Protein backbone atom coordinates (compact mmCIF):
# COMPACT_ATOMS: atom_id res chain seq x y z
CA UNK A 1 100.18 159.23 146.26
CA UNK A 2 103.63 160.35 145.61
CA UNK A 3 104.65 162.24 142.51
CA UNK A 4 107.11 159.39 141.54
CA UNK A 5 103.73 156.76 141.31
CA UNK A 6 101.75 159.30 139.65
CA UNK A 7 104.24 160.29 137.10
CA UNK A 8 105.22 156.14 136.57
CA UNK A 9 100.85 156.17 136.16
CA UNK A 10 101.01 158.95 133.62
CA UNK A 11 103.93 157.36 131.62
CA UNK A 12 102.28 154.05 131.50
CA UNK A 13 98.85 155.58 130.28
CA UNK A 14 100.40 157.49 127.46
CA UNK A 15 101.36 153.94 126.22
CA UNK A 16 98.40 152.54 126.93
CA UNK A 17 96.76 155.53 124.41
CA UNK A 18 99.25 155.61 121.74
CA UNK A 19 97.67 153.13 119.59
CA UNK A 20 94.82 154.77 119.80
CA UNK A 21 93.44 157.85 117.56
CA UNK A 22 92.76 160.68 119.28
CA UNK A 23 89.24 160.50 119.17
CA UNK A 24 86.31 160.46 121.53
CA UNK A 25 85.13 156.93 120.34
CA UNK A 26 88.10 155.22 122.08
CA UNK A 27 87.60 156.55 125.50
CA UNK A 28 85.51 152.86 126.55
CA UNK A 29 88.39 150.98 125.02
CA UNK A 30 91.10 152.97 126.61
CA UNK A 31 89.27 153.02 130.18
CA UNK A 32 89.27 149.41 129.71
CA UNK A 33 93.04 148.87 129.20
CA UNK A 34 93.57 151.20 132.19
CA UNK A 35 90.72 149.37 134.49
CA UNK A 36 92.57 145.98 133.07
CA UNK A 37 96.19 147.27 134.06
CA UNK A 38 95.48 149.03 137.64
CA UNK A 39 92.34 147.22 138.78
CA UNK A 40 90.97 150.60 139.11
CA UNK A 41 90.88 153.74 137.12
CA UNK A 42 93.25 156.34 138.98
CA UNK A 43 92.45 160.04 139.00
CA UNK A 44 95.56 160.70 137.10
CA UNK A 45 94.85 158.26 134.42
CA UNK A 46 91.55 160.02 134.13
CA UNK A 47 93.28 163.29 133.50
CA UNK A 48 95.80 162.01 131.27
CA UNK A 49 92.70 160.49 128.63
CA UNK A 50 91.23 163.85 129.22
CA UNK A 51 93.86 165.51 127.94
CA UNK A 52 94.58 162.95 125.16
CA UNK A 53 90.88 162.82 124.19
CA UNK A 54 90.26 166.30 124.58
CA UNK A 55 87.06 165.72 126.81
CA UNK A 56 85.98 167.06 129.85
CA UNK A 57 87.00 165.31 133.37
CA UNK A 58 83.34 165.65 133.99
CA UNK A 59 82.49 163.33 130.79
CA UNK A 60 85.03 160.74 132.03
CA UNK A 61 83.99 160.56 135.52
CA UNK A 62 80.11 160.31 134.32
CA UNK A 63 81.66 157.03 132.04
CA UNK A 64 83.23 155.50 134.79
CA UNK A 65 80.51 155.74 137.21
CA UNK A 66 77.72 154.85 134.64
CA UNK A 67 79.47 151.31 133.70
CA UNK A 68 79.85 148.95 136.50
CA UNK A 69 83.04 147.06 134.69
CA UNK A 70 84.60 150.51 135.83
CA UNK A 71 85.64 151.45 139.50
CA UNK A 72 87.18 154.70 140.98
CA UNK A 73 88.87 152.50 143.82
CA UNK A 74 90.99 149.67 143.92
CA UNK A 75 89.61 146.46 144.71
CA UNK A 76 91.06 144.00 147.29
CA UNK A 77 93.12 141.21 146.50
CA UNK A 78 89.73 139.18 146.78
CA UNK A 79 86.46 141.02 145.38
CA UNK A 80 83.57 139.46 146.51
CA UNK A 81 80.37 140.24 144.55
CA UNK A 82 76.80 139.28 145.36
CA UNK A 83 74.53 138.78 142.67
CA UNK A 84 71.39 140.80 143.22
CA UNK A 85 69.47 139.59 139.88
CA UNK A 86 66.08 138.29 140.39
CA UNK A 87 66.85 134.87 140.01
CA UNK A 88 69.30 134.99 142.88
CA UNK A 89 67.49 137.56 145.35
CA UNK A 90 64.23 135.16 145.26
CA UNK A 91 66.67 132.58 146.36
CA UNK A 92 68.11 134.61 148.96
CA UNK A 93 71.45 136.06 147.91
CA UNK A 94 70.46 139.58 150.31
CA UNK A 95 71.49 137.56 153.12
CA UNK A 96 74.22 136.57 152.05
CA UNK A 97 75.18 140.26 151.11
CA UNK A 98 74.32 140.91 154.71
CA UNK A 99 76.14 138.43 156.24
CA UNK A 100 79.43 139.82 154.02
CA UNK A 101 79.03 142.95 155.32
CA UNK A 102 78.36 141.96 158.53
CA UNK A 103 81.80 139.73 158.55
CA UNK A 104 84.22 141.98 156.58
CA UNK A 105 82.65 145.25 158.14
CA UNK A 106 82.06 146.93 154.83
CA UNK A 107 79.53 148.50 152.66
CA UNK A 108 79.24 147.82 148.89
CA UNK A 109 82.19 149.21 146.98
CA UNK A 110 84.55 149.46 149.91
CA UNK A 111 87.60 147.63 150.25
CA UNK A 112 89.18 146.55 153.55
CA UNK A 113 92.06 148.67 154.91
CA UNK A 114 94.59 145.62 154.66
CA UNK A 115 93.29 145.69 151.10
CA UNK A 116 92.55 142.05 150.95
CA UNK A 117 88.83 142.17 150.49
CA UNK A 118 86.06 144.21 148.72
CA UNK A 119 82.52 144.04 148.45
CA UNK A 120 80.68 144.78 145.23
CA UNK A 121 77.12 143.38 143.20
CA UNK A 122 76.00 142.54 140.82
CA UNK A 123 72.69 142.28 138.63
CA UNK A 124 73.17 138.97 136.68
CA UNK A 125 77.00 136.82 136.71
CA UNK A 126 74.56 134.52 133.79
CA UNK A 127 74.34 131.72 136.40
CA UNK A 128 70.66 131.90 137.42
CA UNK A 129 70.37 127.93 136.90
CA UNK A 130 72.51 128.07 140.28
CA UNK A 131 70.84 130.71 142.12
CA UNK A 132 71.88 132.22 144.39
CA UNK A 133 75.46 132.68 143.56
CA UNK A 134 78.21 135.36 144.48
CA UNK A 135 81.80 135.39 142.98
CA UNK A 136 85.37 135.73 144.67
CA UNK A 137 87.29 137.18 141.69
CA UNK A 138 86.47 135.24 138.94
CA UNK A 139 85.33 132.13 140.48
CA UNK A 140 81.46 131.27 140.33
CA UNK A 141 80.20 129.93 143.78
CA UNK A 142 76.74 128.67 143.03
CA UNK A 143 73.83 127.08 145.20
CA UNK A 144 75.74 129.75 147.66
CA UNK A 145 74.35 129.67 151.58
CA UNK A 146 75.47 132.17 154.46
CA UNK A 147 77.07 128.85 155.71
CA UNK A 148 79.18 128.33 152.22
CA UNK A 149 80.33 132.20 152.43
CA UNK A 150 81.16 131.64 155.74
CA UNK A 151 83.44 128.64 154.95
CA UNK A 152 84.92 130.51 151.61
CA UNK A 153 85.91 133.45 153.94
CA UNK A 154 87.54 131.62 156.51
CA UNK A 155 89.05 130.11 153.67
CA UNK A 156 90.51 133.45 151.99
CA UNK A 157 91.72 134.58 155.61
CA UNK A 158 93.86 131.81 156.34
CA UNK A 159 95.48 132.24 152.79
CA UNK A 160 96.60 135.45 153.83
């Protein structure tokens, strides 16, 4: 990333942190705001948080990697997540995930080179009654099948 982009992120992160007291208890709230702004938590942002809250980078990294809500990598325009919770798994969500990986040539946590797609898994989206499910950004697709996944991917690919 070029220095001008890093400087812009530093400035924006300082603005995000400004209303918060410099206390460790504010770490998750600050990270959440950064995640919402950028779609991930850039390393330069982690560094700013580390300085502001006087927390080691390793500890911040540990928090980011512990909570599945946070990510260290930018997500695609279409972030597709397959639920692997018990109800979904029993009803075939693994085959949906396998097909998704095959179609997009990606693994979990990866984003396509063009920035269009990313793949994630989740343990539950609270839609067990319509299992199996997958989501595209915030839209839930219930009673999912490999065929339904293919149809959704075909539509997304057309949208560009």
